[in-house]
Amino acid sequence: MLIHGKQYLSTFRERIGEATVASIAVAFWGRGAESVFKEWRGDKLRIICNLALGGTNPKAVKEIMAIPNVEVRQCDELHAKVILTDNALIVGSANISSNGLGLEDDEAAKFHEVGVLTKEVALLKEGQHWFDALWPKAQEISDSDLRKAADAWKRRRQTRPILAKNRSRLLLDQPPNSLRDRAVFLVVYRSSISQKAAEALRFQKARLQGTSSEIPHDKLDIYEEWEAGTLPLDREDILIPVYWGARGKITVEKPQRPLPELQSHYVSDDGEVSLDFSVQLSEDRVLGYTFGSEDRKNLASDIRPWLESLGITPDDGRSVPLYDYLKWRTR
């Protein structure tokens, strides 16, 4: 029996729900993958996934590992998609992910997937023999493996395709789910920098001006006294500064990227203060989409209700994924 489209996912769920024993070797598992096991009541479920290539969401793996009577292992070379129960075998093209089974609705462009369902005894035996030979070669999953997988997942998520059906070239016109997990952040602030920070900024600009550095000194910016973990600092992150003044003025500035190699500190009466540097992008584009001066003005005029919902205080600084704002806007 040929299965495809939504039938693929429903067939998978039905077979798992009826199974007493199941063996699954599917390379990639996305957000919500644990939901396919809602009806699982069996005695033994073994799963092999691929954590190394960045196509598996480690949060989904952790959820699945917590299901009763389930054991999950990893294999770096796995690319198969095989679901085997005590009375059925599914072999196909679909991973258990947004692209594969559409678990995240319109989160990414869908591929056309197809599989074959069979109950032929000879094929079930061959499938079980293949899985049983692979199982001892697969590795148990440690906390360290999950941390590495989280890094690989983040890197891969940045390069996934934007929804093909959306023809707009404007960043703010993209469907919210296409920005999920992408490292684009609205950095909301009110407080002006101190004299110490201004001096550090002038020093770095002067230093860079006299070198062959690829960093344009006149595009340098600085963030002061942000608590650890609140300001994105990866070189590949994109920051969109949003100034929200105490008197209500809102200004959206040109996008930037962090420069963690320039991070420094100074000591104040209250202790050590962090100074984090950034540089403006050379073009008014984010993820290949336009984000020019008119777009920034439009965002500044529309964003106030969302900012008010965040409850930011005059001394507060907040970085929030652009996805969160787009999702709020389309709620």
C-alpha atoms as a PDB file:
ATOM      1  CA  MET A   1       0.000   0.000   0.000  1.00  0.00           C
ATOM      2  CA  LEU A   2       1.348   3.418  -1.030  1.00  0.00           C
ATOM      3  CA  ILE A   3       1.007   6.194   1.575  1.00  0.00           C
ATOM      4  CA  HIS A   4       1.609   9.904   1.052  1.00  0.00           C
ATOM      5  CA  GLY A   5       0.596  13.355   2.277  1.00  0.00           C
ATOM      6  CA  LYS A   6      -1.406  13.477   5.527  1.00  0.00           C
ATOM      7  CA  GLN A   7      -2.045   9.761   5.156  1.00  0.00           C
ATOM      8  CA  TYR A   8       1.627   9.143   5.968  1.00  0.00           C
ATOM      9  CA  LEU A   9       1.330  10.712   9.434  1.00  0.00           C
ATOM     10  CA  SER A  10      -2.062   9.154  10.265  1.00  0.00           C
ATOM     11  CA  THR A  11      -0.843   5.694   9.216  1.00  0.00           C
ATOM     12  CA  PHE A  12       2.268   6.058  11.356  1.00  0.00           C
ATOM     13  CA  ARG A  13       0.181   6.983  14.416  1.00  0.00           C
ATOM     14  CA  GLU A  14      -2.276   4.161  13.860  1.00  0.00           C
ATOM     15  CA  ARG A  15       0.438   1.509  13.602  1.00  0.00           C
ATOM     16  CA  ILE A  16       2.280   2.760  16.685  1.00  0.00           C
ATOM     17  CA  GLY A  17      -0.971   2.895  18.643  1.00  0.00           C
ATOM     18  CA  GLU A  18      -1.747  -0.739  17.810  1.00  0.00           C
ATOM     19  CA  ALA A  19       1.773  -2.091  18.368  1.00  0.00           C
ATOM     20  CA  THR A  20       3.078  -4.119  21.290  1.00  0.00           C
ATOM     21  CA  VAL A  21       6.658  -3.948  20.043  1.00  0.00           C
ATOM     22  CA  ALA A  22       8.111  -1.401  17.614  1.00  0.00           C
ATOM     23  CA  SER A  23      11.501  -0.559  16.105  1.00  0.00           C
ATOM     24  CA  ILE A  24      12.057   2.805  14.406  1.00  0.00           C
ATOM     25  CA  ALA A  25      15.121   4.007  12.524  1.00  0.00           C
ATOM     26  CA  VAL A  26      14.400   7.531  11.288  1.00  0.00           C
ATOM     27  CA  ALA A  27      17.218  10.045  10.890  1.00  0.00           C
ATOM     28  CA  PHE A  28      15.638  13.382  11.812  1.00  0.00           C
ATOM     29  CA  TRP A  29      13.034  14.322  14.435  1.00  0.00           C
ATOM     30  CA  GLY A  30      11.517  17.806  14.681  1.00  0.00           C
ATOM     31  CA  ARG A  31       9.524  19.829  17.163  1.00  0.00           C
ATOM     32  CA  GLY A  32       6.368  17.979  18.173  1.00  0.00           C
ATOM     33  CA  ALA A  33       7.716  14.570  17.136  1.00  0.00           C
ATOM     34  CA  GLU A  34       6.781  13.168  20.545  1.00  0.00           C
ATOM     35  CA  SER A  35       3.112  13.682  19.633  1.00  0.00           C
ATOM     36  CA  VAL A  36       3.167  10.709  17.245  1.00  0.00           C
ATOM     37  CA  PHE A  37       3.465   8.442  20.282  1.00  0.00           C
ATOM     38  CA  LYS A  38       0.322   9.662  22.054  1.00  0.00           C
ATOM     39  CA  GLU A  39      -1.365   6.301  21.572  1.00  0.00           C
ATOM     40  CA  TRP A  40       1.691   4.187  22.390  1.00  0.00           C
ATOM     41  CA  ARG A  41       0.838   1.614  25.081  1.00  0.00           C
ATOM     42  CA  GLY A  42       3.227  -1.140  24.034  1.00  0.00           C
ATOM     43  CA  ASP A  43       5.905  -3.066  25.905  1.00  0.00           C
ATOM     44  CA  LYS A  44       9.042  -2.201  23.970  1.00  0.00           C
ATOM     45  CA  LEU A  45       9.873   0.650  21.596  1.00  0.00           C
ATOM     46  CA  ARG A  46      13.405   1.120  20.234  1.00  0.00           C
ATOM     47  CA  ILE A  47      14.332   4.240  18.275  1.00  0.00           C
ATOM     48  CA  ILE A  48      17.499   5.196  16.400  1.00  0.00           C
ATOM     49  CA  CYS A  49      17.984   8.809  15.287  1.00  0.00           C
ATOM     50  CA  ASN A  50      20.777  10.953  13.848  1.00  0.00           C
ATOM     51  CA  LEU A  51      21.908  13.744  16.193  1.00  0.00           C
ATOM     52  CA  ALA A  52      25.128  14.682  14.410  1.00  0.00           C
ATOM     53  CA  LEU A  53      23.861  16.396  11.261  1.00  0.00           C
ATOM     54  CA  GLY A  54      21.644  19.005  12.946  1.00  0.00           C
ATOM     55  CA  GLY A  55      18.356  17.754  11.553  1.00  0.00           C
ATOM     56  CA  THR A  56      17.059  16.476  14.907  1.00  0.00           C
ATOM     57  CA  ASN A  57      15.610  18.737  17.588  1.00  0.00           C
ATOM     58  CA  PRO A  58      17.146  17.517  20.875  1.00  0.00           C
ATOM     59  CA  LYS A  59      14.136  18.811  22.828  1.00  0.00           C
ATOM     60  CA  ALA A  60      11.938  16.346  20.945  1.00  0.00           C
ATOM     61  CA  VAL A  61      14.413  13.558  21.679  1.00  0.00           C
ATOM     62  CA  LYS A  62      14.337  14.347  25.409  1.00  0.00           C
ATOM     63  CA  GLU A  63      10.520  14.230  25.347  1.00  0.00           C
ATOM     64  CA  ILE A  64      10.565  10.870  23.582  1.00  0.00           C
ATOM     65  CA  MET A  65      13.172   9.441  25.973  1.00  0.00           C
ATOM     66  CA  ALA A  66      10.769  10.169  28.844  1.00  0.00           C
ATOM     67  CA  ILE A  67       7.998   7.977  27.357  1.00  0.00           C
ATOM     68  CA  PRO A  68       7.526   4.656  29.199  1.00  0.00           C
ATOM     69  CA  ASN A  69       9.123   1.567  27.630  1.00  0.00           C
ATOM     70  CA  VAL A  70      11.126   3.588  25.096  1.00  0.00           C
ATOM     71  CA  GLU A  71      14.869   3.428  24.450  1.00  0.00           C
ATOM     72  CA  VAL A  72      16.505   5.916  22.092  1.00  0.00           C
ATOM     73  CA  ARG A  73      19.960   5.657  20.539  1.00  0.00           C
ATOM     74  CA  GLN A  74      21.881   7.631  17.922  1.00  0.00           C
ATOM     75  CA  CYS A  75      23.802   6.753  14.790  1.00  0.00           C
ATOM     76  CA  ASP A  76      25.822   9.408  12.943  1.00  0.00           C
ATOM     77  CA  GLU A  77      25.515   7.567   9.615  1.00  0.00           C
ATOM     78  CA  LEU A  78      21.762   6.999   9.749  1.00  0.00           C
ATOM     79  CA  HIS A  79      19.677   8.388   6.900  1.00  0.00           C
ATOM     80  CA  ALA A  80      16.985   5.700   6.722  1.00  0.00           C
ATOM     81  CA  LYS A  81      13.261   6.111   7.417  1.00  0.00           C
ATOM     82  CA  VAL A  82      11.998   2.757   8.644  1.00  0.00           C
ATOM     83  CA  ILE A  83       9.069   2.102  11.006  1.00  0.00           C
ATOM     84  CA  LEU A  84       8.639  -1.503  12.035  1.00  0.00           C
ATOM     85  CA  THR A  85       5.954  -2.898  14.354  1.00  0.00           C
ATOM     86  CA  ASP A  86       4.924  -6.434  15.214  1.00  0.00           C
ATOM     87  CA  ASN A  87       2.452  -6.458  12.314  1.00  0.00           C
ATOM     88  CA  ALA A  88       3.513  -3.759   9.828  1.00  0.00           C
ATOM     89  CA  LEU A  89       6.491  -2.180   8.076  1.00  0.00           C
ATOM     90  CA  ILE A  90       6.657   1.356   6.680  1.00  0.00           C
ATOM     91  CA  VAL A  91       9.605   2.331   4.489  1.00  0.00           C
ATOM     92  CA  GLY A  92       9.543   5.782   2.954  1.00  0.00           C
ATOM     93  CA  SER A  93      11.153   9.166   2.439  1.00  0.00           C
ATOM     94  CA  ALA A  94       9.758  11.134   5.390  1.00  0.00           C
ATOM     95  CA  ASN A  95      11.595  12.179   8.510  1.00  0.00           C
ATOM     96  CA  ILE A  96       9.480  12.798  11.624  1.00  0.00           C
ATOM     97  CA  SER A  97       9.721  16.554  11.268  1.00  0.00           C
ATOM     98  CA  SER A  98       7.993  19.617   9.867  1.00  0.00           C
ATOM     99  CA  ASN A  99       9.188  19.007   6.306  1.00  0.00           C
ATOM    100  CA  GLY A 100       8.656  15.262   6.527  1.00  0.00           C
ATOM    101  CA  LEU A 101       5.293  14.786   8.228  1.00  0.00           C
ATOM    102  CA  GLY A 102       4.118  18.397   8.522  1.00  0.00           C
ATOM    103  CA  LEU A 103       4.171  18.365  12.332  1.00  0.00           C
ATOM    104  CA  GLU A 104       4.630  22.142  12.517  1.00  0.00           C
ATOM    105  CA  ASP A 105       1.876  23.151  10.071  1.00  0.00           C
ATOM    106  CA  ASP A 106       3.208  25.918   7.779  1.00  0.00           C
ATOM    107  CA  GLU A 107       6.532  26.205   9.606  1.00  0.00           C
ATOM    108  CA  ALA A 108       8.582  25.312   6.551  1.00  0.00           C
ATOM    109  CA  ALA A 109       8.173  24.443   2.921  1.00  0.00           C
ATOM    110  CA  LYS A 110       6.698  20.946   2.616  1.00  0.00           C
ATOM    111  CA  PHE A 111       8.324  18.256   0.543  1.00  0.00           C
ATOM    112  CA  HIS A 112       6.314  15.626  -1.284  1.00  0.00           C
ATOM    113  CA  GLU A 113       6.835  12.440   0.754  1.00  0.00           C
ATOM    114  CA  VAL A 114       5.837   8.897  -0.119  1.00  0.00           C
ATOM    115  CA  GLY A 115       6.157   5.546   1.616  1.00  0.00           C
ATOM    116  CA  VAL A 116       5.129   1.925   1.347  1.00  0.00           C
ATOM    117  CA  LEU A 117       3.154   0.100   4.044  1.00  0.00           C
ATOM    118  CA  THR A 118       3.339  -3.672   4.017  1.00  0.00           C
ATOM    119  CA  LYS A 119       2.243  -6.528   6.275  1.00  0.00           C
ATOM    120  CA  GLU A 120       4.068  -9.207   4.304  1.00  0.00           C
ATOM    121  CA  VAL A 121       5.687 -11.543   6.836  1.00  0.00           C
ATOM    122  CA  ALA A 122       8.892 -12.067   4.848  1.00  0.00           C
ATOM    123  CA  LEU A 123       9.514  -8.322   4.586  1.00  0.00           C
ATOM    124  CA  LEU A 124       8.777  -7.797   8.275  1.00  0.00           C
ATOM    125  CA  LYS A 125      11.389 -10.449   9.122  1.00  0.00           C
ATOM    126  CA  GLU A 126      13.953  -8.857   6.805  1.00  0.00           C
ATOM    127  CA  GLY A 127      13.242  -5.412   8.277  1.00  0.00           C
ATOM    128  CA  GLN A 128      13.632  -6.712  11.822  1.00  0.00           C
ATOM    129  CA  HIS A 129      16.902  -8.436  10.927  1.00  0.00           C
ATOM    130  CA  TRP A 130      18.237  -5.175   9.456  1.00  0.00           C
ATOM    131  CA  PHE A 131      17.219  -3.146  12.528  1.00  0.00           C
ATOM    132  CA  ASP A 132      18.576  -5.722  15.000  1.00  0.00           C
ATOM    133  CA  ALA A 133      21.945  -5.605  13.236  1.00  0.00           C
ATOM    134  CA  LEU A 134      22.038  -1.797  13.417  1.00  0.00           C
ATOM    135  CA  TRP A 135      20.899  -1.482  17.048  1.00  0.00           C
ATOM    136  CA  PRO A 136      24.155  -2.575  18.767  1.00  0.00           C
ATOM    137  CA  LYS A 137      26.133  -0.224  16.505  1.00  0.00           C
ATOM    138  CA  ALA A 138      24.039   2.757  17.629  1.00  0.00           C
ATOM    139  CA  GLN A 139      25.226   4.743  20.653  1.00  0.00           C
ATOM    140  CA  GLU A 140      23.410   5.607  23.856  1.00  0.00           C
ATOM    141  CA  ILE A 141      22.580   9.313  24.205  1.00  0.00           C
ATOM    142  CA  SER A 142      24.274  11.382  26.909  1.00  0.00           C
ATOM    143  CA  ASP A 143      23.635  14.918  28.141  1.00  0.00           C
ATOM    144  CA  SER A 144      26.776  15.973  26.280  1.00  0.00           C
ATOM    145  CA  ASP A 145      25.367  14.509  23.065  1.00  0.00           C
ATOM    146  CA  LEU A 146      22.171  16.511  23.527  1.00  0.00           C
ATOM    147  CA  ARG A 147      24.115  19.736  24.080  1.00  0.00           C
ATOM    148  CA  LYS A 148      26.128  19.162  20.899  1.00  0.00           C
ATOM    149  CA  ALA A 149      22.920  18.315  19.055  1.00  0.00           C
ATOM    150  CA  ALA A 150      21.367  21.597  20.238  1.00  0.00           C
ATOM    151  CA  ASP A 151      24.252  23.534  18.668  1.00  0.00           C
ATOM    152  CA  ALA A 152      23.988  21.554  15.423  1.00  0.00           C
ATOM    153  CA  TRP A 153      20.197  22.041  15.371  1.00  0.00           C
ATOM    154  CA  LYS A 154      20.561  25.805  15.836  1.00  0.00           C
ATOM    155  CA  ARG A 155      23.070  26.076  12.984  1.00  0.00           C
ATOM    156  CA  ARG A 156      20.916  24.064  10.615  1.00  0.00           C
ATOM    157  CA  ARG A 157      17.738  25.968  11.509  1.00  0.00           C
ATOM    158  CA  GLN A 158      19.346  29.203  10.345  1.00  0.00           C
ATOM    159  CA  THR A 159      19.692  27.870   6.807  1.00  0.00           C
ATOM    160  CA  ARG A 160      16.317  26.181   6.318  1.00  0.00           C
ATOM    161  CA  PRO A 161      14.218  27.577   3.451  1.00  0.00           C
ATOM    162  CA  ILE A 162      11.747  30.401   3.957  1.00  0.00           C
ATOM    163  CA  LEU A 163       8.197  29.529   2.866  1.00  0.00           C
ATOM    164  CA  ALA A 164       8.241  29.257  -0.912  1.00  0.00           C
ATOM    165  CA  LYS A 165       4.607  30.367  -1.214  1.00  0.00           C
ATOM    166  CA  ASN A 166       5.385  33.828   0.168  1.00  0.00           C
ATOM    167  CA  ARG A 167       6.486  36.083  -2.697  1.00  0.00           C
ATOM    168  CA  SER A 168       7.187  39.255  -0.705  1.00  0.00           C
ATOM    169  CA  ARG A 169      10.814  40.308  -0.428  1.00  0.00           C
ATOM    170  CA  LEU A 170      10.214  42.294   2.779  1.00  0.00           C
ATOM    171  CA  LEU A 171      11.422  40.828   6.064  1.00  0.00           C
ATOM    172  CA  LEU A 172       8.343  41.903   8.025  1.00  0.00           C
ATOM    173  CA  ASP A 173       6.030  40.261   5.485  1.00  0.00           C
ATOM    174  CA  GLN A 174       7.410  36.780   6.140  1.00  0.00           C
ATOM    175  CA  PRO A 175       5.081  34.317   7.927  1.00  0.00           C
ATOM    176  CA  PRO A 176       5.956  34.141  11.645  1.00  0.00           C
ATOM    177  CA  ASN A 177       6.751  30.440  11.613  1.00  0.00           C
ATOM    178  CA  SER A 178       9.391  30.945   8.940  1.00  0.00           C
ATOM    179  CA  LEU A 179      11.301  33.043  11.514  1.00  0.00           C
ATOM    180  CA  ARG A 180      10.960  30.510  14.332  1.00  0.00           C
ATOM    181  CA  ASP A 181      14.377  29.629  15.817  1.00  0.00           C
ATOM    182  CA  ARG A 182      16.195  32.028  13.519  1.00  0.00           C
ATOM    183  CA  ALA A 183      18.777  34.216  15.235  1.00  0.00           C
ATOM    184  CA  VAL A 184      17.130  37.584  14.528  1.00  0.00           C
ATOM    185  CA  PHE A 185      16.419  39.599  17.655  1.00  0.00           C
ATOM    186  CA  LEU A 186      14.704  42.862  18.514  1.00  0.00           C
ATOM    187  CA  VAL A 187      16.976  44.461  21.127  1.00  0.00           C
ATOM    188  CA  VAL A 188      14.815  46.849  23.151  1.00  0.00           C
ATOM    189  CA  TYR A 189      16.482  49.422  25.390  1.00  0.00           C
ATOM    190  CA  ARG A 190      15.883  52.761  27.125  1.00  0.00           C
ATOM    191  CA  SER A 191      18.965  53.748  29.078  1.00  0.00           C
ATOM    192  CA  SER A 192      21.713  55.814  27.440  1.00  0.00           C
ATOM    193  CA  ILE A 193      25.284  54.601  27.751  1.00  0.00           C
ATOM    194  CA  SER A 194      27.526  56.002  30.475  1.00  0.00           C
ATOM    195  CA  GLN A 195      30.587  58.187  29.967  1.00  0.00           C
ATOM    196  CA  LYS A 196      32.773  55.115  30.570  1.00  0.00           C
ATOM    197  CA  ALA A 197      31.014  53.221  27.781  1.00  0.00           C
ATOM    198  CA  ALA A 198      31.211  56.209  25.435  1.00  0.00           C
ATOM    199  CA  GLU A 199      34.947  56.423  26.068  1.00  0.00           C
ATOM    200  CA  ALA A 200      35.350  52.689  25.350  1.00  0.00           C
ATOM    201  CA  LEU A 201      33.419  53.112  22.097  1.00  0.00           C
ATOM    202  CA  ARG A 202      35.585  56.049  20.991  1.00  0.00           C
ATOM    203  CA  PHE A 203      38.719  54.084  21.852  1.00  0.00           C
ATOM    204  CA  GLN A 204      37.686  51.075  19.764  1.00  0.00           C
ATOM    205  CA  LYS A 205      36.691  53.271  16.825  1.00  0.00           C
ATOM    206  CA  ALA A 206      40.070  55.022  16.888  1.00  0.00           C
ATOM    207  CA  ARG A 207      41.913  51.717  17.228  1.00  0.00           C
ATOM    208  CA  LEU A 208      40.065  50.124  14.309  1.00  0.00           C
ATOM    209  CA  GLN A 209      40.534  53.177  12.113  1.00  0.00           C
ATOM    210  CA  GLY A 210      44.270  52.685  12.292  1.00  0.00           C
ATOM    211  CA  THR A 211      44.221  48.994  11.350  1.00  0.00           C
ATOM    212  CA  SER A 212      43.380  46.845   8.341  1.00  0.00           C
ATOM    213  CA  SER A 213      40.425  45.284  10.182  1.00  0.00           C
ATOM    214  CA  GLU A 214      37.371  44.342   8.122  1.00  0.00           C
ATOM    215  CA  ILE A 215      35.201  45.958  10.822  1.00  0.00           C
ATOM    216  CA  PRO A 216      34.143  49.474   9.690  1.00  0.00           C
ATOM    217  CA  HIS A 217      35.016  51.733  12.627  1.00  0.00           C
ATOM    218  CA  ASP A 218      32.240  54.217  11.813  1.00  0.00           C
ATOM    219  CA  LYS A 219      29.556  51.475  12.075  1.00  0.00           C
ATOM    220  CA  LEU A 220      30.557  50.388  15.582  1.00  0.00           C
ATOM    221  CA  ASP A 221      28.047  50.421  18.447  1.00  0.00           C
ATOM    222  CA  ILE A 222      28.074  49.371  22.096  1.00  0.00           C
ATOM    223  CA  TYR A 223      25.757  47.819  24.703  1.00  0.00           C
ATOM    224  CA  GLU A 224      26.399  48.411  28.377  1.00  0.00           C
ATOM    225  CA  GLU A 225      25.557  46.408  31.499  1.00  0.00           C
ATOM    226  CA  TRP A 226      23.423  43.689  29.935  1.00  0.00           C
ATOM    227  CA  GLU A 227      23.141  40.676  32.202  1.00  0.00           C
ATOM    228  CA  ALA A 228      24.860  37.525  30.974  1.00  0.00           C
ATOM    229  CA  GLY A 229      22.649  35.625  28.554  1.00  0.00           C
ATOM    230  CA  THR A 230      20.235  38.482  27.828  1.00  0.00           C
ATOM    231  CA  LEU A 231      22.041  39.902  24.795  1.00  0.00           C
ATOM    232  CA  PRO A 232      22.728  37.584  21.827  1.00  0.00           C
ATOM    233  CA  LEU A 233      26.483  37.496  21.280  1.00  0.00           C
ATOM    234  CA  ASP A 234      27.087  34.942  18.525  1.00  0.00           C
ATOM    235  CA  ARG A 235      28.741  36.475  15.443  1.00  0.00           C
ATOM    236  CA  GLU A 236      25.959  35.048  13.259  1.00  0.00           C
ATOM    237  CA  ASP A 237      23.159  36.602  15.321  1.00  0.00           C
ATOM    238  CA  ILE A 238      21.340  39.630  13.945  1.00  0.00           C
ATOM    239  CA  LEU A 239      20.334  42.436  16.298  1.00  0.00           C
ATOM    240  CA  ILE A 240      17.664  45.022  15.441  1.00  0.00           C
ATOM    241  CA  PRO A 241      18.021  47.850  18.005  1.00  0.00           C
ATOM    242  CA  VAL A 242      14.732  49.340  19.203  1.00  0.00           C
ATOM    243  CA  TYR A 243      15.035  52.500  21.309  1.00  0.00           C
ATOM    244  CA  TRP A 244      11.955  53.036  23.435  1.00  0.00           C
ATOM    245  CA  GLY A 245      12.438  56.248  25.340  1.00  0.00           C
ATOM    246  CA  ALA A 246      10.935  56.965  28.742  1.00  0.00           C
ATOM    247  CA  ARG A 247       8.864  59.722  27.082  1.00  0.00           C
ATOM    248  CA  GLY A 248       7.475  57.294  24.541  1.00  0.00           C
ATOM    249  CA  LYS A 249       9.680  57.898  21.513  1.00  0.00           C
ATOM    250  CA  ILE A 250      10.365  54.728  19.507  1.00  0.00           C
ATOM    251  CA  THR A 251      13.166  54.421  16.980  1.00  0.00           C
ATOM    252  CA  VAL A 252      14.214  51.299  15.098  1.00  0.00           C
ATOM    253  CA  GLU A 253      17.829  51.395  13.965  1.00  0.00           C
ATOM    254  CA  LYS A 254      19.758  49.540  11.286  1.00  0.00           C
ATOM    255  CA  PRO A 255      20.398  45.835  11.902  1.00  0.00           C
ATOM    256  CA  GLN A 256      23.682  44.815  13.491  1.00  0.00           C
ATOM    257  CA  ARG A 257      25.715  41.742  14.321  1.00  0.00           C
ATOM    258  CA  PRO A 258      27.606  41.207  17.609  1.00  0.00           C
ATOM    259  CA  LEU A 259      31.388  41.415  17.909  1.00  0.00           C
ATOM    260  CA  PRO A 260      32.093  39.131  20.883  1.00  0.00           C
ATOM    261  CA  GLU A 261      35.855  39.416  20.294  1.00  0.00           C
ATOM    262  CA  LEU A 262      35.703  43.087  21.388  1.00  0.00           C
ATOM    263  CA  GLN A 263      33.849  42.454  24.637  1.00  0.00           C
ATOM    264  CA  SER A 264      35.355  44.266  27.615  1.00  0.00           C
ATOM    265  CA  HIS A 265      34.543  45.372  31.178  1.00  0.00           C
ATOM    266  CA  TYR A 266      35.090  48.211  33.581  1.00  0.00           C
ATOM    267  CA  VAL A 267      34.747  48.382  37.336  1.00  0.00           C
ATOM    268  CA  SER A 268      32.152  50.696  38.870  1.00  0.00           C
ATOM    269  CA  ASP A 269      31.059  51.283  42.454  1.00  0.00           C
ATOM    270  CA  ASP A 270      28.517  48.517  41.961  1.00  0.00           C
ATOM    271  CA  GLY A 271      30.990  46.006  40.555  1.00  0.00           C
ATOM    272  CA  GLU A 272      32.130  44.842  37.113  1.00  0.00           C
ATOM    273  CA  VAL A 273      30.174  46.208  34.154  1.00  0.00           C
ATOM    274  CA  SER A 274      30.124  44.442  30.765  1.00  0.00           C
ATOM    275  CA  LEU A 275      30.588  46.257  27.465  1.00  0.00           C
ATOM    276  CA  ASP A 276      29.417  44.403  24.351  1.00  0.00           C
ATOM    277  CA  PHE A 277      30.184  45.721  20.876  1.00  0.00           C
ATOM    278  CA  SER A 278      28.294  45.350  17.615  1.00  0.00           C
ATOM    279  CA  VAL A 279      28.598  46.598  14.057  1.00  0.00           C
ATOM    280  CA  GLN A 280      25.911  47.688  11.590  1.00  0.00           C
ATOM    281  CA  LEU A 281      25.289  45.420   8.626  1.00  0.00           C
ATOM    282  CA  SER A 282      26.582  46.759   5.342  1.00  0.00           C
ATOM    283  CA  GLU A 283      23.192  46.343   3.644  1.00  0.00           C
ATOM    284  CA  ASP A 284      19.596  46.930   4.690  1.00  0.00           C
ATOM    285  CA  ARG A 285      18.873  43.233   4.406  1.00  0.00           C
ATOM    286  CA  VAL A 286      18.189  40.468   6.912  1.00  0.00           C
ATOM    287  CA  LEU A 287      18.175  36.783   5.890  1.00  0.00           C
ATOM    288  CA  GLY A 288      18.235  38.003   2.294  1.00  0.00           C
ATOM    289  CA  TYR A 289      15.048  40.056   2.782  1.00  0.00           C
ATOM    290  CA  THR A 290      14.712  43.828   2.647  1.00  0.00           C
ATOM    291  CA  PHE A 291      14.674  45.780   5.902  1.00  0.00           C
ATOM    292  CA  GLY A 292      15.267  49.385   4.843  1.00  0.00           C
ATOM    293  CA  SER A 293      14.510  52.765   6.349  1.00  0.00           C
ATOM    294  CA  GLU A 294      10.794  52.665   5.458  1.00  0.00           C
ATOM    295  CA  ASP A 295      10.466  49.212   6.972  1.00  0.00           C
ATOM    296  CA  ARG A 296      12.116  50.441  10.162  1.00  0.00           C
ATOM    297  CA  LYS A 297       9.798  53.451  10.325  1.00  0.00           C
ATOM    298  CA  ASN A 298       6.760  51.210   9.839  1.00  0.00           C
ATOM    299  CA  LEU A 299       7.957  48.870  12.563  1.00  0.00           C
ATOM    300  CA  ALA A 300       8.530  51.777  14.946  1.00  0.00           C
ATOM    301  CA  SER A 301       4.990  53.045  14.377  1.00  0.00           C
ATOM    302  CA  ASP A 302       3.348  49.627  14.840  1.00  0.00           C
ATOM    303  CA  ILE A 303       5.344  48.068  17.654  1.00  0.00           C
ATOM    304  CA  ARG A 304       4.209  50.150  20.669  1.00  0.00           C
ATOM    305  CA  PRO A 305       1.376  47.843  21.892  1.00  0.00           C
ATOM    306  CA  TRP A 306       3.739  44.887  21.825  1.00  0.00           C
ATOM    307  CA  LEU A 307       6.432  46.803  23.711  1.00  0.00           C
ATOM    308  CA  GLU A 308       3.909  47.807  26.342  1.00  0.00           C
ATOM    309  CA  SER A 309       2.970  44.156  26.783  1.00  0.00           C
ATOM    310  CA  LEU A 310       6.611  43.361  27.640  1.00  0.00           C
ATOM    311  CA  GLY A 311       6.586  45.602  30.710  1.00  0.00           C
ATOM    312  CA  ILE A 312      10.050  47.064  30.105  1.00  0.00           C
ATOM    313  CA  THR A 313      11.283  49.497  32.763  1.00  0.00           C
ATOM    314  CA  PRO A 314      13.582  52.522  32.121  1.00  0.00           C
ATOM    315  CA  ASP A 315      16.618  50.592  33.381  1.00  0.00           C
ATOM    316  CA  ASP A 316      15.665  47.410  31.574  1.00  0.00           C
ATOM    317  CA  GLY A 317      17.123  45.887  28.426  1.00  0.00           C
ATOM    318  CA  ARG A 318      15.455  43.063  26.581  1.00  0.00           C
ATOM    319  CA  SER A 319      16.296  41.001  23.504  1.00  0.00           C
ATOM    320  CA  VAL A 320      13.341  39.136  22.001  1.00  0.00           C
ATOM    321  CA  PRO A 321      13.262  36.990  18.851  1.00  0.00           C
ATOM    322  CA  LEU A 322      11.670  38.776  15.905  1.00  0.00           C
ATOM    323  CA  TYR A 323       9.506  35.657  15.618  1.00  0.00           C
ATOM    324  CA  ASP A 324       7.817  36.550  18.932  1.00  0.00           C
ATOM    325  CA  TYR A 325       6.761  39.951  17.631  1.00  0.00           C
ATOM    326  CA  LEU A 326       5.521  38.613  14.285  1.00  0.00           C
ATOM    327  CA  LYS A 327       3.555  35.911  16.068  1.00  0.00           C
ATOM    328  CA  TRP A 328       2.015  38.488  18.421  1.00  0.00           C
ATOM    329  CA  ARG A 329       1.129  40.718  15.461  1.00  0.00           C
ATOM    330  CA  THR A 330      -0.770  37.921  13.713  1.00  0.00           C
ATOM    331  CA  ARG A 331      -2.464  36.489  16.813  1.00  0.00           C
END
